[in-house]
N, C-alpha and C. Protein backbone atom coordinates (compact mmCIF):
# COMPACT_ATOMS: atom_id res chain seq x y z
N MET A 1 70.35 -7.12 -5.71
CA MET A 1 69.11 -6.38 -5.81
C MET A 1 68.34 -6.49 -7.20
N ALA A 2 69.00 -7.02 -8.10
CA ALA A 2 68.32 -7.18 -9.17
C ALA A 2 66.82 -8.26 -9.02
N ALA A 3 66.88 -9.11 -8.26
CA ALA A 3 65.95 -10.14 -8.01
C ALA A 3 64.79 -9.30 -7.44
N ALA A 4 65.01 -8.55 -6.35
CA ALA A 4 64.06 -7.86 -5.78
C ALA A 4 63.19 -6.87 -6.66
N TYR A 5 63.80 -6.16 -7.78
CA TYR A 5 63.24 -5.26 -8.51
C TYR A 5 62.38 -6.14 -9.67
N LYS A 6 62.87 -7.35 -9.79
CA LYS A 6 62.22 -8.34 -10.74
C LYS A 6 60.85 -8.73 -10.06
N VAL A 7 61.13 -9.28 -8.59
CA VAL A 7 59.86 -9.53 -7.82
C VAL A 7 58.88 -8.39 -7.84
N LEU A 8 59.49 -7.13 -7.74
CA LEU A 8 58.63 -6.10 -7.54
C LEU A 8 57.54 -5.56 -9.00
N LYS A 9 58.56 -5.83 -9.97
CA LYS A 9 57.90 -5.56 -11.37
C LYS A 9 56.68 -6.71 -11.45
N ASN A 10 57.08 -7.69 -11.07
CA ASN A 10 56.19 -9.03 -11.61
C ASN A 10 54.89 -8.83 -10.66
N THR A 11 55.09 -8.45 -9.46
CA THR A 11 53.91 -8.35 -8.47
C THR A 11 53.01 -7.14 -8.80
N ALA A 12 53.80 -6.08 -9.24
CA ALA A 12 52.78 -4.81 -9.67
C ALA A 12 52.12 -5.18 -10.88
N LYS A 13 53.08 -5.90 -11.74
CA LYS A 13 52.18 -6.32 -13.36
C LYS A 13 51.29 -7.23 -12.98
N ALA A 14 50.97 -7.99 -11.97
CA ALA A 14 49.91 -8.83 -11.42
C ALA A 14 48.45 -8.12 -10.91
N GLY A 15 48.81 -6.88 -11.04
CA GLY A 15 47.75 -6.19 -10.69
C GLY A 15 47.70 -5.53 -9.24
N ASN A 16 48.87 -5.46 -8.59
CA ASN A 16 48.97 -4.99 -7.22
C ASN A 16 49.62 -3.56 -7.16
N ALA A 17 49.00 -2.40 -6.82
CA ALA A 17 49.36 -1.37 -6.95
C ALA A 17 50.55 -0.98 -6.06
N ILE A 18 51.55 -0.39 -6.39
CA ILE A 18 52.61 0.52 -5.54
C ILE A 18 52.37 1.46 -4.92
N ILE A 19 51.87 1.29 -3.63
CA ILE A 19 51.50 2.49 -2.70
C ILE A 19 52.19 3.26 -1.81
N GLY A 20 53.67 2.65 -1.85
CA GLY A 20 54.59 3.54 -1.16
C GLY A 20 56.03 2.62 -1.22
N ALA A 21 57.00 3.39 -0.45
CA ALA A 21 58.45 2.81 -0.82
C ALA A 21 59.38 3.57 0.09
N GLY A 22 60.39 2.86 0.55
CA GLY A 22 61.59 3.69 1.28
C GLY A 22 62.68 3.10 0.77
N VAL A 23 63.81 3.05 1.47
CA VAL A 23 65.00 2.55 1.32
C VAL A 23 65.22 1.06 1.06
N TYR A 24 64.60 0.54 1.90
CA TYR A 24 64.70 -0.88 1.87
C TYR A 24 63.72 -1.89 1.05
N SER A 25 62.49 -1.21 1.02
CA SER A 25 61.29 -1.93 0.53
C SER A 25 60.34 -1.15 -0.15
N ALA A 26 59.40 -1.86 -0.90
CA ALA A 26 58.38 -1.11 -1.39
C ALA A 26 57.20 -1.99 -1.01
N VAL A 27 55.97 -1.18 -0.75
CA VAL A 27 54.64 -1.83 -0.41
C VAL A 27 53.66 -1.66 -1.68
N LEU A 28 52.97 -2.85 -1.65
CA LEU A 28 51.85 -3.03 -2.81
C LEU A 28 50.50 -3.32 -2.22
N GLN A 29 49.70 -2.88 -2.72
CA GLN A 29 48.06 -3.11 -2.14
C GLN A 29 47.96 -4.50 -2.61
N SER A 30 47.50 -5.53 -1.95
CA SER A 30 47.29 -6.59 -2.43
C SER A 30 45.86 -7.06 -2.86
N GLY A 31 45.85 -7.03 -4.14
CA GLY A 31 44.47 -7.15 -4.90
C GLY A 31 43.63 -5.83 -4.72
N GLU A 32 42.40 -6.19 -4.22
CA GLU A 32 41.35 -5.18 -4.07
C GLU A 32 41.47 -4.45 -2.62
N ALA A 33 41.50 -3.15 -2.51
CA ALA A 33 41.72 -2.33 -1.54
C ALA A 33 40.73 -2.82 -0.23
N TRP A 34 39.56 -3.34 -0.38
CA TRP A 34 38.60 -3.62 0.80
C TRP A 34 39.36 -4.76 1.35
N LYS A 35 40.23 -5.58 0.81
CA LYS A 35 40.96 -6.81 1.49
C LYS A 35 41.86 -6.17 2.80
N GLU A 36 42.25 -5.12 2.38
CA GLU A 36 43.01 -4.44 3.62
C GLU A 36 44.27 -5.24 3.87
N LYS A 37 44.95 -5.67 2.90
CA LYS A 37 46.26 -6.39 2.80
C LYS A 37 47.09 -5.69 1.97
N VAL A 38 48.48 -5.78 2.32
CA VAL A 38 49.53 -5.45 1.40
C VAL A 38 50.68 -6.38 1.57
N ILE A 39 51.59 -6.34 0.34
CA ILE A 39 52.46 -7.18 0.10
C ILE A 39 54.11 -6.22 0.00
N LYS A 40 55.03 -6.40 1.29
CA LYS A 40 56.14 -5.73 1.35
C LYS A 40 57.23 -6.48 0.76
N ILE A 41 57.90 -5.74 -0.20
CA ILE A 41 58.98 -6.29 -0.90
C ILE A 41 60.44 -5.77 -0.75
N GLY A 42 61.39 -6.21 -0.03
CA GLY A 42 62.45 -5.78 0.48
C GLY A 42 63.62 -5.90 -0.50
N ASN A 43 64.70 -5.15 -0.53
CA ASN A 43 66.07 -5.47 -1.46
C ASN A 43 67.10 -5.95 -0.73
N ASN A 44 66.98 -6.09 0.83
CA ASN A 44 68.07 -6.39 1.52
C ASN A 44 67.58 -7.32 2.53
N THR A 45 68.16 -8.55 2.86
CA THR A 45 67.81 -9.46 3.88
C THR A 45 68.43 -9.16 5.16
N ASP A 46 69.26 -8.16 5.15
CA ASP A 46 69.90 -7.72 6.59
C ASP A 46 68.90 -6.32 6.97
N ASP A 47 67.82 -6.04 6.40
CA ASP A 47 66.85 -5.11 6.64
C ASP A 47 66.58 -5.63 8.17
N PRO A 48 66.59 -4.52 9.20
CA PRO A 48 66.14 -4.78 10.61
C PRO A 48 64.97 -4.89 11.03
N TRP A 49 64.06 -4.57 9.82
CA TRP A 49 62.62 -4.75 9.71
C TRP A 49 62.40 -6.31 10.01
N LEU A 50 63.31 -7.21 9.49
CA LEU A 50 63.19 -8.74 9.58
C LEU A 50 63.35 -8.88 11.09
N ASP A 51 64.42 -8.37 11.63
CA ASP A 51 64.48 -8.62 13.12
C ASP A 51 63.44 -8.17 13.88
N TYR A 52 62.62 -7.23 13.56
CA TYR A 52 61.69 -6.77 14.39
C TYR A 52 60.52 -7.49 14.43
N VAL A 53 60.12 -8.13 13.24
CA VAL A 53 59.28 -9.04 13.04
C VAL A 53 59.32 -10.44 14.02
N ASN A 54 60.74 -10.75 13.86
CA ASN A 54 60.92 -12.06 14.66
C ASN A 54 60.87 -11.76 16.19
N LEU A 55 61.18 -10.39 16.48
CA LEU A 55 61.12 -10.13 17.89
C LEU A 55 59.74 -10.02 18.38
N PHE A 56 58.66 -9.68 17.74
CA PHE A 56 57.50 -9.54 18.40
C PHE A 56 56.85 -10.58 18.12
N GLN A 57 57.15 -11.75 17.17
CA GLN A 57 56.22 -12.79 16.91
C GLN A 57 56.90 -13.98 17.79
N LYS A 58 58.27 -13.60 18.22
CA LYS A 58 58.59 -14.75 19.00
C LYS A 58 58.79 -14.45 20.54
N SER A 59 58.80 -13.05 21.11
CA SER A 59 58.74 -12.72 22.55
C SER A 59 57.40 -13.20 23.40
N PRO A 60 57.33 -13.89 24.15
CA PRO A 60 56.50 -14.08 25.01
C PRO A 60 55.62 -12.79 25.44
N LEU A 61 56.40 -11.71 25.59
CA LEU A 61 55.92 -10.38 25.96
C LEU A 61 55.21 -9.46 25.11
N LEU A 62 55.39 -9.98 23.67
CA LEU A 62 55.01 -9.23 22.61
C LEU A 62 53.96 -9.88 21.71
N GLN A 63 53.84 -11.24 21.93
CA GLN A 63 52.72 -11.79 20.98
C GLN A 63 51.42 -11.28 21.18
N ASN A 64 50.79 -11.01 19.90
CA ASN A 64 49.41 -10.41 20.03
C ASN A 64 49.46 -9.06 20.58
N ASN A 65 50.55 -8.31 20.64
CA ASN A 65 50.53 -6.94 21.19
C ASN A 65 49.86 -5.99 19.95
N ILE A 66 48.81 -5.22 20.24
CA ILE A 66 48.19 -4.67 19.18
C ILE A 66 48.93 -3.63 18.72
N HIS A 67 49.90 -3.10 19.21
CA HIS A 67 50.86 -2.01 18.60
C HIS A 67 51.78 -2.36 17.80
N THR A 68 51.89 -3.58 17.32
CA THR A 68 52.76 -4.12 16.22
C THR A 68 51.80 -4.66 15.05
N PRO A 69 52.40 -4.49 13.90
CA PRO A 69 51.71 -4.93 12.78
C PRO A 69 51.30 -6.31 12.57
N CYS A 70 50.36 -6.79 11.90
CA CYS A 70 49.85 -8.31 11.62
C CYS A 70 50.65 -8.78 10.41
N VAL A 71 51.47 -9.53 10.41
CA VAL A 71 52.31 -9.96 9.49
C VAL A 71 52.01 -11.52 9.42
N ASP A 72 51.42 -11.79 8.16
CA ASP A 72 50.97 -13.12 7.89
C ASP A 72 52.04 -14.24 7.63
N ARG A 73 52.85 -13.72 6.83
CA ARG A 73 53.88 -14.78 6.20
C ARG A 73 55.11 -13.70 5.61
N VAL A 74 56.08 -14.28 5.91
CA VAL A 74 57.39 -13.79 5.52
C VAL A 74 58.28 -14.95 4.67
N TYR A 75 58.71 -14.53 3.42
CA TYR A 75 59.55 -15.27 2.63
C TYR A 75 60.99 -14.63 2.41
N ILE A 76 62.06 -15.25 2.98
CA ILE A 76 63.38 -14.79 2.65
C ILE A 76 64.31 -15.48 1.92
N ASP A 77 64.82 -14.81 0.72
CA ASP A 77 65.74 -15.44 -0.07
C ASP A 77 67.17 -14.64 0.28
N HIS A 78 67.98 -15.30 0.85
CA HIS A 78 69.11 -14.63 1.24
C HIS A 78 70.29 -14.60 0.15
N GLN A 79 70.17 -15.77 -0.57
CA GLN A 79 71.00 -15.91 -1.81
C GLN A 79 70.77 -14.75 -2.83
N SER A 80 69.40 -14.52 -2.94
CA SER A 80 69.21 -13.38 -4.12
C SER A 80 68.96 -12.34 -3.37
N GLU A 81 69.15 -11.96 -2.01
CA GLU A 81 69.00 -10.86 -1.42
C GLU A 81 67.51 -10.22 -1.55
N TYR A 82 66.39 -10.77 -1.28
CA TYR A 82 65.08 -9.88 -1.21
C TYR A 82 64.01 -10.73 -0.17
N TYR A 83 63.29 -10.26 0.30
CA TYR A 83 62.19 -10.94 0.96
C TYR A 83 60.94 -10.29 0.48
N VAL A 84 59.82 -11.05 0.86
CA VAL A 84 58.40 -10.87 0.69
C VAL A 84 57.73 -11.01 1.83
N ALA A 85 56.64 -10.19 2.11
CA ALA A 85 56.21 -10.51 3.26
C ALA A 85 54.50 -9.86 2.96
N ASN A 86 53.64 -10.77 3.50
CA ASN A 86 52.04 -10.25 3.34
C ASN A 86 51.79 -10.03 4.93
N MET A 87 51.10 -8.89 4.92
CA MET A 87 50.61 -8.02 6.18
C MET A 87 49.58 -7.14 5.92
N GLU A 88 49.03 -6.71 7.03
CA GLU A 88 47.87 -5.98 7.07
C GLU A 88 48.33 -4.29 6.37
N GLN A 89 47.28 -3.82 5.85
CA GLN A 89 47.15 -2.41 5.58
C GLN A 89 46.89 -1.79 6.58
N LEU A 90 47.83 -0.58 6.86
CA LEU A 90 47.68 0.27 7.88
C LEU A 90 47.32 1.86 7.56
N ASP A 91 46.74 2.61 8.27
CA ASP A 91 46.63 4.00 8.09
C ASP A 91 48.15 4.81 8.39
N THR A 92 48.04 5.74 7.70
CA THR A 92 49.27 6.73 7.84
C THR A 92 48.91 7.96 8.88
N HIS A 93 47.39 8.03 8.81
CA HIS A 93 46.68 9.09 9.80
C HIS A 93 45.72 8.82 10.44
N THR A 94 45.40 9.54 11.54
CA THR A 94 44.74 9.37 12.56
C THR A 94 43.35 9.81 12.26
N ASP A 95 42.19 10.14 13.04
CA ASP A 95 41.09 10.96 12.84
C ASP A 95 41.26 12.29 13.57
N PHE A 96 42.44 12.29 14.13
CA PHE A 96 42.80 13.65 14.90
C PHE A 96 43.67 14.50 13.73
N ASP A 97 44.01 15.79 13.96
CA ASP A 97 44.72 16.40 13.01
C ASP A 97 46.36 16.05 13.02
N ASN A 98 47.04 16.44 11.98
CA ASN A 98 48.02 15.79 11.42
C ASN A 98 49.27 16.15 12.60
N ASP A 99 49.15 17.40 13.08
CA ASP A 99 50.09 18.08 13.92
C ASP A 99 50.20 17.10 15.35
N LEU A 100 48.85 16.61 15.72
CA LEU A 100 48.88 15.85 17.08
C LEU A 100 49.68 14.49 16.55
N LYS A 101 49.42 13.95 15.32
CA LYS A 101 49.98 12.65 14.98
C LYS A 101 51.52 12.92 15.14
N LEU A 102 52.05 14.35 14.56
CA LEU A 102 53.57 14.30 14.42
C LEU A 102 53.87 14.57 15.91
N GLU A 103 53.39 15.18 16.84
CA GLU A 103 53.79 15.37 18.28
C GLU A 103 53.67 14.21 18.74
N LEU A 104 52.81 13.05 18.51
CA LEU A 104 52.72 11.85 19.27
C LEU A 104 53.89 10.88 18.63
N CYS A 105 54.46 11.10 17.41
CA CYS A 105 55.52 10.23 17.25
C CYS A 105 56.72 10.69 17.64
N ASP A 106 56.96 12.23 17.91
CA ASP A 106 58.15 12.83 18.42
C ASP A 106 58.15 12.44 19.96
N SER A 107 56.87 12.29 20.58
CA SER A 107 56.95 11.80 21.85
C SER A 107 57.38 10.35 22.25
N ILE A 108 56.73 9.47 21.09
CA ILE A 108 57.02 7.93 21.14
C ILE A 108 58.86 7.70 21.05
N LYS A 109 59.38 8.70 20.07
CA LYS A 109 60.71 8.50 19.92
C LYS A 109 61.59 8.96 21.17
N ASN A 110 61.22 10.30 21.71
CA ASN A 110 61.68 10.58 22.95
C ASN A 110 61.67 9.61 24.09
N LEU A 111 60.30 8.95 24.26
CA LEU A 111 60.21 7.78 25.39
C LEU A 111 61.45 6.77 24.96
N VAL A 112 61.48 6.19 23.98
CA VAL A 112 62.40 5.10 23.44
C VAL A 112 63.84 5.82 23.74
N MET A 113 63.93 6.94 23.38
CA MET A 113 65.49 7.47 23.54
C MET A 113 65.87 7.82 25.06
N GLY A 114 64.70 7.68 26.02
CA GLY A 114 65.03 8.24 27.34
C GLY A 114 64.87 9.58 27.74
N GLU A 115 64.51 10.32 26.68
CA GLU A 115 64.45 11.78 26.92
C GLU A 115 62.91 12.17 27.45
N GLU A 116 62.13 11.38 27.62
CA GLU A 116 60.89 11.51 28.10
C GLU A 116 60.65 10.43 28.93
N THR A 117 60.06 10.50 30.22
CA THR A 117 59.82 9.28 31.27
C THR A 117 58.50 8.78 30.87
N LYS A 118 58.21 7.58 31.46
CA LYS A 118 57.07 6.85 31.11
C LYS A 118 55.76 7.81 31.82
N GLU A 119 56.07 8.28 32.97
CA GLU A 119 55.25 9.11 33.74
C GLU A 119 54.81 10.46 32.80
N GLU A 120 55.84 10.94 32.25
CA GLU A 120 55.47 12.21 31.40
C GLU A 120 54.54 11.80 30.26
N PHE A 121 54.94 10.71 29.46
CA PHE A 121 54.26 10.15 28.36
C PHE A 121 52.60 10.11 28.75
N ARG A 122 52.74 9.26 30.06
CA ARG A 122 51.29 9.01 30.45
C ARG A 122 50.23 9.99 30.58
N GLU A 123 51.11 11.22 31.20
CA GLU A 123 50.47 12.38 31.52
C GLU A 123 50.10 12.91 30.19
N THR A 124 50.74 13.11 29.22
CA THR A 124 50.88 13.69 27.94
C THR A 124 49.50 12.96 27.32
N TRP A 125 49.33 11.74 27.23
CA TRP A 125 48.46 11.07 26.29
C TRP A 125 47.45 10.43 27.04
N ALA A 126 47.22 10.52 28.11
CA ALA A 126 46.02 9.88 29.05
C ALA A 126 44.91 10.17 28.49
N GLU A 127 44.62 11.29 27.70
CA GLU A 127 43.26 11.53 27.39
C GLU A 127 42.96 11.13 26.08
N TYR A 128 43.93 10.67 25.31
CA TYR A 128 43.77 9.92 23.92
C TYR A 128 43.57 8.50 24.07
N SER A 129 42.71 8.07 24.72
CA SER A 129 42.61 6.48 24.99
C SER A 129 42.30 5.78 23.61
N GLU A 130 42.18 6.43 22.52
CA GLU A 130 41.94 5.72 21.06
C GLU A 130 43.41 5.33 20.77
N PHE A 131 44.23 5.90 21.21
CA PHE A 131 45.62 5.52 20.56
C PHE A 131 46.20 4.31 21.49
N PHE A 132 45.52 4.11 22.41
CA PHE A 132 46.28 2.91 23.58
C PHE A 132 44.94 2.25 24.07
N PRO A 133 44.13 1.43 23.17
CA PRO A 133 43.05 0.84 23.43
C PRO A 133 43.16 -0.16 24.44
N SER A 134 44.46 -0.89 24.79
CA SER A 134 44.43 -1.75 25.76
C SER A 134 45.38 -1.09 26.92
N GLY A 135 45.44 0.19 27.15
CA GLY A 135 46.24 0.89 28.06
C GLY A 135 47.58 1.14 27.72
N ILE A 136 47.85 2.13 28.11
CA ILE A 136 49.54 2.67 27.69
C ILE A 136 50.33 1.78 28.44
N ASP A 137 50.21 0.92 29.40
CA ASP A 137 51.14 -0.09 29.71
C ASP A 137 51.44 -1.04 28.85
N HIS A 138 50.47 -1.38 28.25
CA HIS A 138 50.40 -2.41 27.07
C HIS A 138 51.44 -1.83 25.83
N PHE A 139 51.37 -0.75 25.63
CA PHE A 139 52.12 0.11 24.76
C PHE A 139 53.65 -0.15 25.26
N PHE A 140 53.87 0.13 26.64
CA PHE A 140 55.32 0.36 27.10
C PHE A 140 55.91 -1.13 26.91
N LEU A 141 55.36 -2.16 26.90
CA LEU A 141 55.95 -3.37 26.85
C LEU A 141 56.39 -3.45 25.40
N LEU A 142 56.01 -2.76 24.61
CA LEU A 142 56.89 -2.80 23.07
C LEU A 142 57.66 -1.71 23.16
N THR A 143 57.50 -0.70 23.67
CA THR A 143 58.57 0.28 23.73
C THR A 143 59.96 0.00 24.24
N ASP A 144 59.44 -0.55 25.62
CA ASP A 144 60.65 -1.33 26.41
C ASP A 144 61.79 -2.25 25.42
N GLU A 145 61.09 -3.08 24.78
CA GLU A 145 61.54 -4.07 24.16
C GLU A 145 62.47 -3.22 22.95
N ILE A 146 61.80 -2.52 22.04
CA ILE A 146 62.50 -1.78 21.08
C ILE A 146 63.85 -0.93 21.70
N GLU A 147 63.59 -0.44 22.98
CA GLU A 147 64.68 0.33 23.50
C GLU A 147 65.76 -0.57 23.90
N ARG A 148 65.39 -1.89 24.39
CA ARG A 148 66.58 -2.91 24.65
C ARG A 148 67.39 -3.44 23.53
N GLU A 149 66.38 -3.45 22.59
CA GLU A 149 67.17 -3.89 21.16
C GLU A 149 67.90 -3.15 20.17
N THR A 150 67.73 -1.71 20.64
CA THR A 150 68.30 -0.84 19.61
C THR A 150 69.86 -0.78 20.28
N ASP A 151 70.65 -0.34 19.23
CA ASP A 151 72.18 -0.33 19.39
C ASP A 151 72.50 1.15 19.54
N CYS A 152 71.99 2.15 18.57
CA CYS A 152 72.45 3.43 18.35
C CYS A 152 71.28 4.31 18.52
N PHE A 153 71.17 5.12 19.60
CA PHE A 153 70.21 6.12 19.97
C PHE A 153 70.56 7.55 19.34
N THR A 154 71.97 7.81 19.31
CA THR A 154 72.47 9.23 19.18
C THR A 154 73.56 9.01 18.32
N PHE A 155 74.18 10.22 17.55
CA PHE A 155 75.07 10.31 16.94
C PHE A 155 76.43 9.87 17.74
N ASP A 156 76.79 9.88 18.88
CA ASP A 156 78.01 9.31 19.60
C ASP A 156 77.78 7.90 19.72
N ASP A 157 76.77 7.23 19.91
CA ASP A 157 76.31 5.96 19.60
C ASP A 157 76.95 5.41 18.27
N GLU A 158 76.38 6.13 17.28
CA GLU A 158 76.76 5.57 16.08
C GLU A 158 78.38 5.59 15.73
N GLU A 159 78.91 6.61 16.40
CA GLU A 159 80.51 6.74 16.05
C GLU A 159 81.13 5.47 16.76
N GLU A 160 80.44 4.85 18.01
CA GLU A 160 81.06 3.95 18.80
C GLU A 160 80.96 2.57 17.87
N TRP A 161 79.68 2.37 17.10
CA TRP A 161 79.67 1.18 16.44
C TRP A 161 80.24 1.22 14.97
N ASP A 162 80.42 2.26 14.37
CA ASP A 162 81.04 2.53 13.00
C ASP A 162 82.14 1.70 12.89
N GLY A 163 82.16 0.75 12.06
CA GLY A 163 83.25 0.15 11.77
C GLY A 163 83.42 -1.25 12.48
N VAL A 164 82.76 -1.31 13.61
CA VAL A 164 82.65 -2.27 14.41
C VAL A 164 81.58 -3.45 14.03
N ASP A 165 80.31 -2.80 13.63
CA ASP A 165 79.22 -3.76 13.06
C ASP A 165 78.54 -2.76 12.19
N ASP A 166 78.52 -2.78 11.00
CA ASP A 166 77.68 -1.53 10.08
C ASP A 166 76.35 -1.93 10.10
N TYR A 167 75.94 -3.23 10.74
CA TYR A 167 74.60 -3.61 10.57
C TYR A 167 73.74 -3.27 12.01
N ALA A 168 74.50 -2.62 12.99
CA ALA A 168 73.93 -2.41 14.04
C ALA A 168 72.82 -1.55 13.78
N ARG A 169 71.72 -2.02 14.99
CA ARG A 169 70.32 -1.36 14.63
C ARG A 169 70.40 0.28 15.12
N LYS A 170 70.15 0.98 14.33
CA LYS A 170 69.97 2.43 14.59
C LYS A 170 68.41 2.91 14.63
N LEU A 171 68.22 3.52 15.72
CA LEU A 171 66.69 3.99 15.78
C LEU A 171 66.26 4.81 14.66
N ASP A 172 65.22 4.70 14.10
CA ASP A 172 64.51 5.22 12.96
C ASP A 172 62.95 5.54 13.43
N LEU A 173 62.50 5.97 14.51
CA LEU A 173 61.33 6.35 14.80
C LEU A 173 60.80 7.65 14.30
N HIS A 174 60.47 7.52 13.25
CA HIS A 174 59.88 8.89 12.51
C HIS A 174 58.22 8.82 12.05
N ALA A 175 57.79 9.57 11.51
CA ALA A 175 56.31 9.66 11.27
C ALA A 175 55.80 8.79 10.42
N ALA A 176 56.61 8.48 9.40
CA ALA A 176 56.41 7.42 8.45
C ALA A 176 56.45 6.05 8.86
N ASN A 177 57.04 5.58 9.89
CA ASN A 177 57.29 4.46 10.49
C ASN A 177 56.43 4.09 11.73
N ILE A 178 55.28 5.15 12.29
CA ILE A 178 54.40 4.99 13.09
C ILE A 178 53.21 5.26 12.32
N MET A 179 52.14 4.14 12.17
CA MET A 179 50.64 4.29 11.64
C MET A 179 49.78 3.72 12.72
N PHE A 180 48.67 3.72 12.15
CA PHE A 180 47.51 3.28 12.65
C PHE A 180 46.39 2.36 12.23
N ARG A 181 45.80 1.66 13.24
CA ARG A 181 44.59 0.76 12.95
C ARG A 181 43.65 1.16 14.00
N ASN A 182 42.81 1.79 13.09
CA ASN A 182 41.53 2.66 13.71
C ASN A 182 41.97 3.23 14.91
N ASN A 183 43.07 4.12 14.73
CA ASN A 183 43.42 5.16 15.50
C ASN A 183 44.38 4.65 16.61
N CYS A 184 44.47 2.96 16.53
CA CYS A 184 45.39 2.58 17.62
C CYS A 184 46.79 2.64 17.05
N VAL A 185 47.87 3.06 17.83
CA VAL A 185 49.12 3.35 17.33
C VAL A 185 49.81 2.10 17.03
N VAL A 186 50.46 1.91 15.91
CA VAL A 186 51.34 0.71 15.65
C VAL A 186 53.06 1.17 15.12
N ILE A 187 53.65 0.80 15.66
CA ILE A 187 54.94 0.87 15.43
C ILE A 187 55.33 0.08 14.25
N THR A 188 55.45 0.57 13.09
CA THR A 188 55.82 -0.47 11.90
C THR A 188 57.12 -0.88 11.61
N ASP A 189 58.16 -0.08 12.12
CA ASP A 189 59.46 -0.22 11.67
C ASP A 189 60.45 0.60 12.53
N PRO A 190 60.99 0.25 13.66
CA PRO A 190 61.82 0.92 14.36
C PRO A 190 63.06 1.37 14.11
N TRP A 191 63.73 0.60 13.17
CA TRP A 191 65.35 0.49 13.10
C TRP A 191 65.55 0.76 11.61
N CYS A 192 66.79 1.10 11.34
CA CYS A 192 67.54 0.86 10.22
C CYS A 192 69.03 0.58 10.51
N THR A 193 69.92 0.57 9.74
CA THR A 193 71.24 0.08 10.05
C THR A 193 72.02 1.36 9.69
N LEU A 194 73.40 1.24 10.24
CA LEU A 194 74.31 2.11 10.11
C LEU A 194 74.58 2.20 8.43
N ARG A 195 74.51 1.37 7.74
CA ARG A 195 74.75 1.39 6.30
C ARG A 195 73.47 1.72 5.62
N VAL A 196 72.58 2.25 6.01
CA VAL A 196 71.25 2.51 5.46
C VAL A 196 71.46 3.40 4.01
N GLU A 197 72.51 4.22 4.20
CA GLU A 197 72.68 5.28 3.22
C GLU A 197 73.33 4.65 1.97
N ASP A 198 74.10 3.51 2.17
CA ASP A 198 74.90 2.69 1.16
C ASP A 198 73.63 1.89 0.41
N ASN A 199 72.56 1.61 1.06
CA ASN A 199 71.94 0.66 0.39
C ASN A 199 70.92 1.10 -0.73
N PRO A 200 71.11 0.41 -2.08
CA PRO A 200 70.06 1.23 -3.04
C PRO A 200 68.69 1.29 -2.84
N SER A 201 68.11 2.54 -2.93
CA SER A 201 67.03 2.90 -2.47
C SER A 201 65.59 2.26 -3.41
N MET A 202 64.64 1.50 -2.81
CA MET A 202 63.65 1.01 -3.62
C MET A 202 62.72 2.39 -4.02
N GLU A 203 62.71 3.36 -3.35
CA GLU A 203 62.10 4.54 -3.67
C GLU A 203 62.62 5.27 -4.76
N ASP A 204 63.93 5.27 -4.87
CA ASP A 204 64.70 5.90 -5.80
C ASP A 204 64.47 5.03 -7.03
N TYR A 205 64.72 3.80 -6.91
CA TYR A 205 64.31 2.79 -8.14
C TYR A 205 63.14 3.16 -8.86
N ILE A 206 62.03 3.25 -8.10
CA ILE A 206 60.61 3.42 -8.80
C ILE A 206 60.74 4.78 -9.34
N ASP A 207 60.94 5.72 -8.54
CA ASP A 207 60.88 7.12 -9.16
C ASP A 207 61.52 7.16 -10.26
N LYS A 208 62.89 6.77 -10.57
CA LYS A 208 63.57 6.92 -11.67
C LYS A 208 63.38 5.75 -12.99
N SER A 209 62.50 4.80 -12.64
CA SER A 209 62.16 3.88 -13.68
C SER A 209 61.27 4.38 -14.74
N ASP A 210 61.67 4.02 -15.87
CA ASP A 210 60.77 4.20 -17.07
C ASP A 210 59.66 3.29 -17.26
N ASP A 211 59.98 2.15 -16.57
CA ASP A 211 58.87 1.08 -16.77
C ASP A 211 57.44 1.42 -16.35
N LYS A 212 56.51 1.31 -17.12
CA LYS A 212 55.02 1.50 -16.65
C LYS A 212 54.54 0.77 -15.88
N ASP A 213 55.12 -0.64 -15.73
CA ASP A 213 54.56 -1.39 -14.74
C ASP A 213 55.22 -1.21 -13.35
N ILE A 214 56.12 -0.16 -13.10
CA ILE A 214 56.61 0.14 -11.92
C ILE A 214 56.35 1.57 -11.84
N GLU A 215 55.19 1.92 -11.23
CA GLU A 215 54.76 3.31 -10.92
C GLU A 215 54.05 3.49 -9.84
N TYR A 216 53.79 4.70 -9.13
CA TYR A 216 53.19 4.79 -7.67
C TYR A 216 51.68 4.87 -8.37
N GLN A 217 50.73 4.25 -7.73
CA GLN A 217 49.33 4.42 -7.88
C GLN A 217 48.80 5.38 -6.80
N CYS A 218 49.18 5.57 -5.69
CA CYS A 218 48.85 6.30 -4.73
C CYS A 218 49.86 6.36 -3.62
N HIS A 219 50.08 7.37 -3.27
CA HIS A 219 51.07 7.66 -1.92
C HIS A 219 50.26 7.59 -0.53
N ILE A 220 50.09 6.21 -0.12
CA ILE A 220 49.20 6.31 1.12
C ILE A 220 50.19 5.37 2.28
N TRP A 221 51.47 5.04 2.11
CA TRP A 221 51.94 4.21 2.97
C TRP A 221 53.63 4.72 2.65
N SER A 222 54.37 4.60 3.62
CA SER A 222 55.53 4.89 3.62
C SER A 222 56.36 3.83 4.64
N ASN A 223 57.74 3.67 4.35
CA ASN A 223 58.29 2.57 5.08
C ASN A 223 59.85 2.79 5.12
């Protein structure tokens, strides 16, 4: 993990503000805010976010799907256990109130888990065309693939996979992993692994660091 922390520090010291962090990664604003680009630095090359990027960039069904983040470049150093990605900066909120966003996020999670049908989802969100500018069916192409590639949906699923494959993909669709581009829904990171709690947290590292070069500039991104 030391290599990831060194890259984080050097990237921040170069003038890129840390704007958010999670367990696996930290996100820095790339240069000036008007460029609307971020740098994502991860401390584990088994982060299933890398699987997600590979999925939507390689799948014929998902290429150019507007509900996935635009990722320009990913550098992975397996030996040193870190990765660096350049991608678009997304919004954590919409023009609508936050309660509606949370309701939408819960509905998306329920859809992927099979607890809400496509018909129910369509009926609930049909009037909010801003969320799905290419139509809800276009969004379903992504949620179908996420559902297909998810190993663990429930606690019972986790029990079955525990000890068999600690890197199984566990559904992690919460509000911090669903963002927006001009009100268009973007699923940024649908999975974690069963071993996520054992992974040294980038967020904790930043919060506990006494290094002046490693501190939040503003909290506008979570991952």
